[in-house]
Amino acid sequence: MLTLYHAAWALAAIAIYALGRAGMQRNWRAARDIALSIGVAALIFAPWGVFAVPQFLSRAAAEATTNIGQQFPLSYFVRQGVFDLTMAQQAGVAGPLVIGLIVAAGAVAASIRRRPLGLLALPLMMIAFTLLGVAFAARQWAFNARMLICATPALAMLLGWSLDQLLTAGTQDAGRKTQDARRRTQDAMRNIPIALLISALIIVYWPTSTSFVYAKTLEVFDPYNPHTYRAHIAPLARPGDLVFFNVLSPAGFYALDQQAGDPDWSYALTWDPVIEPRERWEARIARAAQQHDRLWIVLYRGLAGKNGDLRGWMDSNFYPAHAQWGEEEVFYGLYGVARDELLPSDAAGARWGTVVLEAARLPQSIPPGAVLPVALTWRAEAPIAKNYKVFVHAIRPDGSVIAQHDAQPLNDLRPMTTWPPGEAVRDNHGLALPADYRGPLRIVIGLYDPDTGERLRTTDGADAVTIATVVVE
């Protein structure tokens, strides 16, 4: 999406060049037609701008306090843009230098032959406008090499024109060609610098074209593994699960790797380039929850942007049983769906200092292999100075833990230091049970210090509270 937004700079350069050329030739009819077509294009895109411009402005405002890019001058991003546009990450300074030499040599050859250099204005304007536009945007929000892609045709035009001037500089007109050996020797000598420049271009860019671009570092800044999505999901998933992706490209990689027995996938689009209305993805997930007991979400860029709405809704309406962060700030979460009525526990009222368990609800029985839903409600009687974690354990009759979920309240979204005294804080947990266990399970909860692992004790001196016994049957 950002790549397409930055096409505006190249289009602006084309429009200005066309208007300027028509004006210099005093071709007012052409200038009128060009101006009219530009106006029509602007009107066509105006409705899109109503949505896009406020989104850009809000992002820039939201990033203003944390965007490290604003600590760098505009020239820093222009230099970075030159390197990215010329694919010079592996070539270093030699990359732009070789391209610059070819263009300069082509301009000199054209000047000697008295060919007009005005054509160079178009590609140079397209490149300059794009570099400046992307650099300005980078200081406001983000920088990515792919944003420069609309200037690439201009660079290709510039190189093509320059090489054409060099290759034809030593060639005589057809009617004046001679087979004289001296003339052929002179032409061959003129072509030596051209061959050297082209060879230098190939040598300099060989590492880039054979290895660097395939690592996708231009896009994600780290070595990219397209198999990472299935690798995170498959070991813990079951055939009846359903995976929701917030971007379709990771879903595509997952689909390519999908094997028999892997869960199917769907989507809830909350990240660029498509952001769905909230009511749309809510309805889609709610329908899926009627058919699937276990749901996954895969959030590219974690809690950023509209992802937070999706993650918060899932943590509030379902029961998180697993959470993991992967490459590129991807969040993988497994959630259980409550099928039966959740019954209140007699453990309500348990107290850990100023932290009170107001309510605990869970089912009386659960099928094997399901996610056991546990709904807790907390209340703080005074401000809390430390973010304690909640643990929820399912314990067999022999005392061993068969399933557990540890997190700060609401799956880390409501840390205790943020609780206003007196507010009822909802805190859902899910316990992913193995498929081969049947029998009673004692469900215990408690709090602990994540820095030391030490459990907090209740006012009764216990380090855990049993809230219920659930039968797996």
Protein backbone atom coordinates (compact mmCIF):
# COMPACT_ATOMS: atom_id res chain seq x y z
CA MET A 1 0.00 0.00 0.00
CA LEU A 2 2.78 2.45 0.89
CA THR A 3 4.52 1.62 -2.38
CA LEU A 4 1.42 2.69 -4.29
CA TYR A 5 1.03 5.84 -2.20
CA HIS A 6 4.55 6.92 -3.15
CA ALA A 7 3.72 6.51 -6.84
CA ALA A 8 2.32 10.02 -6.49
CA TRP A 9 5.84 11.49 -6.66
CA ALA A 10 6.65 9.83 -10.00
CA LEU A 11 3.26 10.79 -11.40
CA ALA A 12 3.78 14.41 -10.29
CA ALA A 13 7.13 14.48 -12.08
CA ILE A 14 5.56 13.13 -15.29
CA ALA A 15 2.78 15.74 -15.10
CA ILE A 16 5.18 18.65 -14.52
CA TYR A 17 7.51 17.46 -17.28
CA ALA A 18 4.67 17.06 -19.77
CA LEU A 19 3.20 20.48 -18.97
CA GLY A 20 6.63 22.11 -19.11
CA ARG A 21 7.50 20.53 -22.44
CA ALA A 22 4.17 21.53 -23.98
CA GLY A 23 4.64 25.07 -22.68
CA MET A 24 8.19 25.38 -24.08
CA GLN A 25 6.91 24.24 -27.48
CA ARG A 26 3.99 26.68 -27.15
CA ASN A 27 1.63 23.81 -27.82
CA TRP A 28 -1.23 25.18 -25.74
CA ARG A 29 -3.72 22.58 -26.91
CA ALA A 30 -1.48 19.79 -25.66
CA ALA A 31 -0.93 21.67 -22.38
CA ARG A 32 -4.69 22.03 -21.98
CA ASP A 33 -5.29 18.33 -22.61
CA ILE A 34 -2.54 17.31 -20.19
CA ALA A 35 -3.87 19.60 -17.46
CA LEU A 36 -7.39 18.28 -18.04
CA SER A 37 -6.27 14.64 -17.76
CA ILE A 38 -4.38 15.41 -14.55
CA GLY A 39 -7.50 17.02 -13.10
CA VAL A 40 -9.68 14.05 -14.05
CA ALA A 41 -7.20 11.65 -12.41
CA ALA A 42 -7.19 13.75 -9.24
CA LEU A 43 -11.00 13.70 -9.12
CA ILE A 44 -11.07 9.93 -9.59
CA PHE A 45 -8.73 9.45 -6.62
CA ALA A 46 -10.32 12.12 -4.41
CA PRO A 47 -12.75 9.69 -2.64
CA TRP A 48 -9.83 7.40 -1.80
CA GLY A 49 -7.95 10.39 -0.38
CA VAL A 50 -10.79 11.05 2.05
CA PHE A 51 -9.86 7.79 3.77
CA ALA A 52 -6.10 7.69 3.15
CA VAL A 53 -5.04 11.18 4.21
CA PRO A 54 -6.58 11.09 7.72
CA GLN A 55 -5.05 7.65 8.24
CA PHE A 56 -1.60 8.94 7.35
CA LEU A 57 -1.99 11.99 9.56
CA SER A 58 -3.16 9.92 12.53
CA ARG A 59 -0.26 7.52 12.13
CA ALA A 60 2.25 10.32 11.97
CA ALA A 61 0.76 11.86 15.11
CA ALA A 62 0.75 8.52 16.94
CA GLU A 63 4.37 7.84 16.08
CA ALA A 64 5.59 11.34 16.89
CA THR A 65 6.74 10.48 20.41
CA THR A 66 8.38 7.14 19.58
CA ASN A 67 9.50 7.41 15.96
CA ILE A 68 13.29 7.21 15.99
CA GLY A 69 13.28 8.45 12.38
CA GLN A 70 12.57 11.99 13.55
CA GLN A 71 16.01 12.02 15.18
CA PHE A 72 17.67 11.90 11.74
CA PRO A 73 17.86 14.71 9.16
CA LEU A 74 16.12 14.47 5.82
CA SER A 75 19.50 14.01 4.10
CA TYR A 76 20.03 10.74 6.00
CA PHE A 77 16.97 9.17 4.40
CA VAL A 78 17.85 10.62 0.98
CA ARG A 79 21.26 8.90 1.16
CA GLN A 80 19.60 5.68 2.32
CA GLY A 81 17.12 6.00 -0.53
CA VAL A 82 19.94 6.32 -3.10
CA PHE A 83 21.50 3.10 -1.84
CA ASP A 84 18.17 1.25 -1.80
CA LEU A 85 17.04 2.51 -5.20
CA THR A 86 20.33 1.43 -6.80
CA MET A 87 20.30 -1.92 -4.88
CA ALA A 88 23.71 -0.99 -3.48
CA GLN A 89 23.48 -2.69 -0.09
CA GLN A 90 26.00 -5.35 -1.17
CA ALA A 91 27.86 -3.12 -3.61
CA GLY A 92 28.41 -0.19 -1.25
CA VAL A 93 29.47 3.15 -2.73
CA ALA A 94 30.64 1.35 -5.87
CA GLY A 95 27.01 0.77 -6.90
CA PRO A 96 25.81 4.38 -7.22
CA LEU A 97 29.28 5.36 -8.46
CA VAL A 98 29.19 2.95 -11.42
CA ILE A 99 25.66 4.04 -12.33
CA GLY A 100 26.69 7.68 -12.03
CA LEU A 101 29.68 7.12 -14.31
CA ILE A 102 27.52 5.47 -16.98
CA VAL A 103 25.00 8.34 -16.91
CA ALA A 104 27.74 10.98 -16.97
CA ALA A 105 29.53 9.25 -19.84
CA GLY A 106 26.25 8.99 -21.77
CA ALA A 107 25.58 12.70 -21.25
CA VAL A 108 29.08 13.59 -22.47
CA ALA A 109 28.66 11.39 -25.54
CA ALA A 110 25.30 13.00 -26.31
CA SER A 111 26.78 16.49 -25.88
CA ILE A 112 29.65 15.71 -28.28
CA ARG A 113 27.15 14.56 -30.87
CA ARG A 114 25.00 17.63 -30.10
CA ARG A 115 22.02 15.57 -29.04
CA PRO A 116 19.48 17.28 -26.76
CA LEU A 117 19.82 16.54 -23.04
CA GLY A 118 16.34 17.78 -22.17
CA LEU A 119 15.00 14.20 -22.18
CA LEU A 120 17.04 13.55 -19.02
CA ALA A 121 14.80 15.91 -17.07
CA LEU A 122 11.96 13.35 -16.88
CA PRO A 123 13.79 10.39 -15.26
CA LEU A 124 15.86 12.73 -13.06
CA MET A 125 12.71 14.48 -11.81
CA MET A 126 10.99 11.14 -11.14
CA ILE A 127 13.96 9.93 -9.10
CA ALA A 128 14.48 13.21 -7.23
CA PHE A 129 10.79 13.67 -6.37
CA THR A 130 10.52 10.08 -5.13
CA LEU A 131 13.68 10.26 -3.02
CA LEU A 132 12.54 13.48 -1.34
CA GLY A 133 8.96 12.33 -0.87
CA VAL A 134 9.93 9.00 0.66
CA ALA A 135 12.57 10.66 2.86
CA PHE A 136 10.01 13.15 4.19
CA ALA A 137 7.51 10.37 4.89
CA ALA A 138 10.21 8.29 6.59
CA ARG A 139 10.81 11.01 9.16
CA GLN A 140 7.10 11.08 9.96
CA TRP A 141 6.46 7.37 10.21
CA ALA A 142 8.53 4.63 8.52
CA PHE A 143 11.10 3.88 5.82
CA ASN A 144 11.20 0.84 3.57
CA ALA A 145 13.16 0.22 0.40
CA ARG A 146 10.10 -0.96 -1.52
CA MET A 147 8.58 2.54 -1.22
CA LEU A 148 11.09 3.65 -3.88
CA ILE A 149 9.93 1.10 -6.42
CA CYS A 150 8.05 3.63 -8.58
CA ALA A 151 11.33 5.41 -9.32
CA THR A 152 12.89 2.20 -10.65
CA PRO A 153 11.50 2.63 -14.20
CA ALA A 154 13.06 6.09 -14.26
CA LEU A 155 16.45 4.65 -13.31
CA ALA A 156 16.07 2.02 -16.04
CA MET A 157 15.22 4.77 -18.56
CA LEU A 158 18.27 6.76 -17.49
CA LEU A 159 20.64 3.79 -17.82
CA GLY A 160 19.09 2.70 -21.12
CA TRP A 161 19.45 6.17 -22.63
CA SER A 162 23.06 6.50 -21.41
CA LEU A 163 24.14 3.13 -22.75
CA ASP A 164 22.48 3.92 -26.07
CA GLN A 165 24.47 7.15 -26.36
CA LEU A 166 27.69 5.31 -25.57
CA LEU A 167 27.08 2.41 -27.90
CA THR A 168 26.25 4.64 -30.87
CA ALA A 169 28.87 7.34 -30.21
CA GLY A 170 31.57 5.68 -32.33
CA THR A 171 29.34 4.40 -35.12
CA GLN A 172 29.34 6.22 -38.43
CA ASP A 173 26.18 6.76 -40.45
CA ALA A 174 25.31 3.84 -42.74
CA GLY A 175 26.14 5.77 -45.94
CA ARG A 176 29.62 6.64 -44.69
CA LYS A 177 30.71 3.26 -43.34
CA THR A 178 34.03 1.96 -44.56
CA GLN A 179 35.80 -1.36 -44.35
CA ASP A 180 39.06 0.40 -43.74
CA ALA A 181 41.01 -1.53 -41.08
CA ARG A 182 42.08 1.69 -39.39
CA ARG A 183 38.45 2.82 -39.02
CA ARG A 184 37.43 -0.56 -37.57
CA THR A 185 40.29 -0.36 -35.10
CA GLN A 186 39.27 3.15 -34.00
CA ASP A 187 35.66 2.01 -33.46
CA ALA A 188 36.85 -0.96 -31.41
CA MET A 189 39.04 1.32 -29.28
CA ARG A 190 36.06 3.61 -28.58
CA ASN A 191 34.05 0.62 -27.34
CA ILE A 192 36.62 -0.43 -24.74
CA PRO A 193 35.44 2.13 -22.10
CA ILE A 194 31.85 1.05 -22.75
CA ALA A 195 32.73 -2.60 -22.22
CA LEU A 196 34.59 -1.70 -19.02
CA LEU A 197 31.60 0.22 -17.62
CA ILE A 198 29.16 -2.59 -18.41
CA SER A 199 31.56 -5.15 -16.93
CA ALA A 200 31.90 -3.05 -13.79
CA LEU A 201 28.11 -2.90 -13.52
CA ILE A 202 27.87 -6.70 -13.73
CA ILE A 203 30.72 -7.30 -11.27
CA VAL A 204 29.46 -4.81 -8.70
CA TYR A 205 25.89 -6.10 -8.71
CA TRP A 206 26.61 -9.82 -8.98
CA PRO A 207 26.36 -10.44 -5.18
CA THR A 208 23.14 -8.43 -4.98
CA SER A 209 21.43 -10.15 -7.88
CA THR A 210 22.47 -13.70 -6.93
CA SER A 211 22.01 -13.74 -3.15
CA PHE A 212 20.96 -10.54 -1.43
CA VAL A 213 17.54 -10.04 -3.02
CA TYR A 214 16.53 -13.62 -2.23
CA ALA A 215 17.01 -13.06 1.50
CA LYS A 216 14.25 -10.40 1.32
CA THR A 217 16.22 -8.13 3.63
CA LEU A 218 15.03 -5.16 1.61
CA GLU A 219 11.54 -5.79 2.96
CA VAL A 220 11.85 -7.22 6.46
CA PHE A 221 15.42 -6.24 7.47
CA ASP A 222 16.26 -9.75 8.68
CA PRO A 223 16.66 -13.11 6.94
CA TYR A 224 13.14 -14.11 6.00
CA ASN A 225 11.72 -17.59 6.57
CA PRO A 226 8.39 -18.07 4.75
CA HIS A 227 7.88 -21.41 6.55
CA THR A 228 7.81 -19.81 9.99
CA TYR A 229 4.00 -19.65 10.18
CA ARG A 230 3.35 -23.36 9.90
CA ALA A 231 6.42 -24.09 12.02
CA HIS A 232 4.85 -22.18 14.93
CA ILE A 233 1.31 -23.51 14.51
CA ALA A 234 1.60 -27.16 13.42
CA PRO A 235 3.25 -28.62 16.58
CA LEU A 236 0.42 -27.40 18.83
CA ALA A 237 -2.55 -27.38 16.44
CA ARG A 238 -5.18 -30.04 15.78
CA PRO A 239 -7.12 -30.80 12.59
CA GLY A 240 -10.32 -29.22 13.92
CA ASP A 241 -8.65 -25.89 14.75
CA LEU A 242 -9.08 -22.77 12.63
CA VAL A 243 -6.35 -20.16 12.12
CA PHE A 244 -7.15 -16.47 11.53
CA PHE A 245 -4.51 -14.33 9.81
CA ASN A 246 -4.53 -10.53 9.97
CA VAL A 247 -2.67 -10.29 6.61
CA LEU A 248 -3.21 -12.48 3.57
CA SER A 249 0.46 -12.86 2.58
CA PRO A 250 1.39 -14.94 5.69
CA ALA A 251 -1.81 -16.92 5.10
CA GLY A 252 -0.55 -17.66 1.59
CA PHE A 253 2.78 -18.96 2.89
CA TYR A 254 0.93 -21.09 5.46
CA ALA A 255 -1.35 -22.48 2.75
CA LEU A 256 1.65 -23.43 0.59
CA ASP A 257 3.17 -25.37 3.51
CA GLN A 258 -0.13 -26.83 4.77
CA GLN A 259 -0.15 -30.60 5.14
CA ALA A 260 -2.83 -33.19 5.85
CA GLY A 261 -3.98 -32.79 9.44
CA ASP A 262 -3.05 -29.10 9.66
CA PRO A 263 -5.93 -26.76 10.54
CA ASP A 264 -7.71 -24.71 7.93
CA TRP A 265 -7.35 -20.94 7.87
CA SER A 266 -9.46 -17.83 7.56
CA TYR A 267 -8.78 -14.11 7.91
CA ALA A 268 -9.52 -11.05 10.02
CA LEU A 269 -7.70 -8.26 8.20
CA THR A 270 -6.41 -5.62 10.62
CA TRP A 271 -3.11 -4.66 8.97
CA ASP A 272 -2.04 -2.94 5.75
CA PRO A 273 -2.85 -3.01 2.93
CA VAL A 274 -6.46 -3.98 3.83
CA ILE A 275 -8.15 -3.15 7.13
CA GLU A 276 -11.65 -4.59 7.47
CA PRO A 277 -14.41 -2.92 9.47
CA ARG A 278 -14.44 -4.36 12.97
CA GLU A 279 -18.01 -5.60 12.75
CA ARG A 280 -17.06 -7.69 9.70
CA TRP A 281 -14.24 -9.66 11.28
CA GLU A 282 -16.13 -9.95 14.57
CA ALA A 283 -19.04 -11.62 12.77
CA ARG A 284 -16.72 -13.95 10.84
CA ILE A 285 -14.92 -15.13 13.98
CA ALA A 286 -18.21 -15.48 15.90
CA ARG A 287 -19.56 -17.74 13.14
CA ALA A 288 -16.39 -19.82 13.21
CA ALA A 289 -16.61 -20.17 17.00
CA GLN A 290 -19.93 -21.98 16.55
CA GLN A 291 -18.15 -24.76 14.65
CA HIS A 292 -14.60 -24.80 16.07
CA ASP A 293 -13.65 -25.33 19.72
CA ARG A 294 -10.10 -24.00 19.24
CA LEU A 295 -9.20 -20.81 17.34
CA TRP A 296 -5.81 -19.34 16.47
CA ILE A 297 -4.85 -15.78 15.58
CA VAL A 298 -1.63 -14.90 13.76
CA LEU A 299 -0.98 -11.17 14.05
CA TYR A 300 1.74 -9.71 11.84
CA ARG A 301 3.22 -6.75 13.77
CA GLY A 302 1.66 -7.89 17.02
CA LEU A 303 -0.36 -5.21 18.80
CA ALA A 304 0.40 -2.38 16.37
CA GLY A 305 -2.42 -0.43 14.74
CA LYS A 306 -5.81 -2.15 14.49
CA ASN A 307 -4.25 -5.44 15.57
CA GLY A 308 -4.82 -4.37 19.17
CA ASP A 309 -8.58 -4.30 18.60
CA LEU A 310 -8.56 -7.88 17.32
CA ARG A 311 -6.26 -9.17 20.05
CA GLY A 312 -8.26 -7.44 22.82
CA TRP A 313 -11.56 -8.77 21.47
CA MET A 314 -10.21 -12.32 21.34
CA ASP A 315 -8.81 -12.11 24.88
CA SER A 316 -12.10 -10.75 26.19
CA ASN A 317 -14.48 -13.14 24.41
CA PHE A 318 -12.48 -16.37 24.32
CA TYR A 319 -9.96 -18.13 26.54
CA PRO A 320 -6.24 -17.75 25.69
CA ALA A 321 -4.35 -21.02 26.17
CA HIS A 322 -1.08 -20.30 24.37
CA ALA A 323 0.79 -17.15 23.34
CA GLN A 324 4.08 -16.93 21.52
CA TRP A 325 6.01 -14.23 19.66
CA GLY A 326 7.91 -15.07 16.48
CA GLU A 327 9.99 -13.32 13.84
CA GLU A 328 8.87 -9.92 12.52
CA GLU A 329 6.85 -9.24 15.68
CA VAL A 330 4.31 -11.94 14.78
CA PHE A 331 2.00 -12.99 17.62
CA TYR A 332 0.64 -16.55 17.68
CA GLY A 333 -2.29 -17.14 20.03
CA LEU A 334 -4.47 -20.19 20.72
CA TYR A 335 -7.95 -19.61 22.18
CA GLY A 336 -10.63 -21.90 23.52
CA VAL A 337 -14.38 -21.50 23.02
CA ALA A 338 -16.70 -22.03 25.98
CA ARG A 339 -19.47 -24.48 25.05
CA ASP A 340 -21.15 -25.10 28.39
CA GLU A 341 -22.33 -22.76 31.10
CA LEU A 342 -19.56 -21.47 33.36
CA LEU A 343 -20.49 -22.00 36.99
CA PRO A 344 -19.37 -19.74 39.85
CA SER A 345 -16.65 -20.95 42.20
CA ASP A 346 -16.76 -20.89 45.98
CA ALA A 347 -13.22 -19.46 45.95
CA ALA A 348 -14.53 -15.95 45.25
CA GLY A 349 -13.28 -13.58 47.92
CA ALA A 350 -9.74 -14.99 48.12
CA ARG A 351 -7.29 -12.20 48.86
CA TRP A 352 -3.63 -11.53 48.10
CA GLY A 353 -2.94 -8.37 50.05
CA THR A 354 -4.91 -5.64 48.30
CA VAL A 355 -5.76 -7.89 45.34
CA VAL A 356 -9.12 -9.63 45.64
CA LEU A 357 -10.58 -12.42 43.52
CA GLU A 358 -14.10 -11.17 43.01
CA ALA A 359 -15.33 -14.09 40.91
CA ALA A 360 -14.19 -17.29 39.23
CA ARG A 361 -16.29 -19.27 36.78
CA LEU A 362 -15.61 -22.49 34.89
CA PRO A 363 -17.54 -25.50 33.56
CA GLN A 364 -18.35 -28.58 35.62
CA SER A 365 -17.09 -30.94 32.93
CA ILE A 366 -15.10 -30.72 29.70
CA PRO A 367 -14.44 -33.09 26.74
CA PRO A 368 -10.94 -34.58 26.32
CA GLY A 369 -8.57 -32.42 24.30
CA ALA A 370 -10.66 -29.26 24.68
CA VAL A 371 -9.51 -25.92 26.04
CA LEU A 372 -10.85 -25.58 29.58
CA PRO A 373 -12.21 -22.01 29.99
CA VAL A 374 -11.53 -20.21 33.27
CA ALA A 375 -13.07 -16.75 33.73
CA LEU A 376 -11.63 -14.71 36.59
CA THR A 377 -12.57 -11.25 37.83
CA TRP A 378 -10.14 -9.26 39.97
CA ARG A 379 -10.35 -6.05 41.97
CA ALA A 380 -7.61 -3.94 43.51
CA GLU A 381 -8.35 -2.12 46.78
CA ALA A 382 -5.33 0.15 46.34
CA PRO A 383 -2.78 0.93 43.59
CA ILE A 384 -0.48 -2.01 42.85
CA ALA A 385 3.23 -1.29 42.51
CA LYS A 386 4.29 -4.45 40.60
CA ASN A 387 2.96 -6.40 37.66
CA TYR A 388 2.39 -9.86 39.03
CA LYS A 389 1.50 -12.81 36.83
CA VAL A 390 -1.51 -15.05 37.26
CA PHE A 391 -1.05 -18.82 37.02
CA VAL A 392 -3.87 -21.27 36.37
CA HIS A 393 -2.98 -24.97 36.69
CA ALA A 394 -4.91 -28.17 36.01
CA ILE A 395 -3.64 -30.87 38.39
CA ARG A 396 -4.17 -34.63 38.17
CA PRO A 397 -5.07 -36.70 41.26
CA ASP A 398 -1.37 -37.69 41.52
CA GLY A 399 -0.42 -34.00 41.93
CA SER A 400 1.18 -33.48 38.52
CA VAL A 401 0.31 -30.48 36.35
CA ILE A 402 -1.34 -31.54 33.10
CA ALA A 403 -2.02 -28.05 31.66
CA GLN A 404 -1.33 -24.46 32.65
CA HIS A 405 -1.61 -20.87 31.50
CA ASP A 406 0.54 -18.10 32.96
CA ALA A 407 0.07 -14.46 32.00
CA GLN A 408 -0.57 -11.02 33.35
CA PRO A 409 -4.32 -10.39 33.54
CA LEU A 410 -6.26 -10.56 30.26
CA ASN A 411 -3.40 -12.32 28.51
CA ASP A 412 -0.93 -9.53 29.37
CA LEU A 413 -3.22 -6.71 28.21
CA ARG A 414 -4.22 -5.48 31.72
CA PRO A 415 -1.03 -5.31 33.84
CA MET A 416 -1.80 -4.83 37.52
CA THR A 417 -0.03 -1.49 37.79
CA THR A 418 -2.69 -0.06 35.42
CA TRP A 419 -5.68 -1.07 37.59
CA PRO A 420 -7.69 1.78 39.10
CA PRO A 421 -8.72 0.82 42.65
CA GLY A 422 -12.23 -0.58 42.76
CA GLU A 423 -12.47 -1.52 39.06
CA ALA A 424 -13.57 -5.07 38.22
CA VAL A 425 -10.89 -6.47 35.86
CA ARG A 426 -11.87 -9.42 33.68
CA ASP A 427 -9.19 -12.05 33.15
CA ASN A 428 -9.78 -15.05 30.87
CA HIS A 429 -7.53 -18.12 30.82
CA GLY A 430 -7.62 -21.34 28.81
CA LEU A 431 -6.07 -24.70 29.66
CA ALA A 432 -5.30 -26.79 26.58
CA LEU A 433 -5.95 -30.35 27.76
CA PRO A 434 -4.36 -33.42 26.15
CA ALA A 435 -6.63 -35.62 24.08
CA ASP A 436 -5.80 -38.84 25.98
CA TYR A 437 -6.70 -37.82 29.55
CA ARG A 438 -10.00 -38.61 31.26
CA GLY A 439 -10.82 -38.09 34.89
CA PRO A 440 -10.95 -35.35 37.52
CA LEU A 441 -8.73 -32.26 37.48
CA ARG A 442 -8.20 -29.84 40.33
CA ILE A 443 -7.98 -26.24 39.07
CA VAL A 444 -5.75 -23.95 41.13
CA ILE A 445 -4.83 -20.30 40.66
CA GLY A 446 -2.39 -17.87 42.20
CA LEU A 447 -0.05 -14.93 41.68
CA TYR A 448 3.72 -14.79 41.38
CA ASP A 449 6.55 -12.33 40.82
CA PRO A 450 7.80 -12.85 37.21
CA ASP A 451 11.26 -11.55 38.13
CA THR A 452 11.90 -14.08 40.91
CA GLY A 453 9.28 -16.77 40.33
CA GLU A 454 8.23 -16.45 43.97
CA ARG A 455 4.53 -17.00 44.62
CA LEU A 456 2.49 -14.49 46.59
CA ARG A 457 0.64 -15.88 49.57
CA THR A 458 -2.98 -15.24 50.38
CA THR A 459 -4.07 -13.72 53.66
CA ASP A 460 -4.59 -17.35 54.78
CA GLY A 461 -0.94 -18.14 54.01
CA ALA A 462 -1.56 -20.33 50.96
CA ASP A 463 0.53 -19.98 47.78
CA ALA A 464 -2.36 -21.25 45.57
CA VAL A 465 -6.15 -21.41 45.73
CA THR A 466 -8.24 -24.32 44.46
CA ILE A 467 -11.24 -22.88 42.63
CA ALA A 468 -12.94 -26.09 41.44
CA THR A 469 -12.66 -29.72 40.38
CA VAL A 470 -13.54 -30.33 36.75
CA VAL A 471 -14.23 -33.76 35.25
CA VAL A 472 -12.81 -34.59 31.82
CA GLU A 473 -15.28 -37.01 30.21
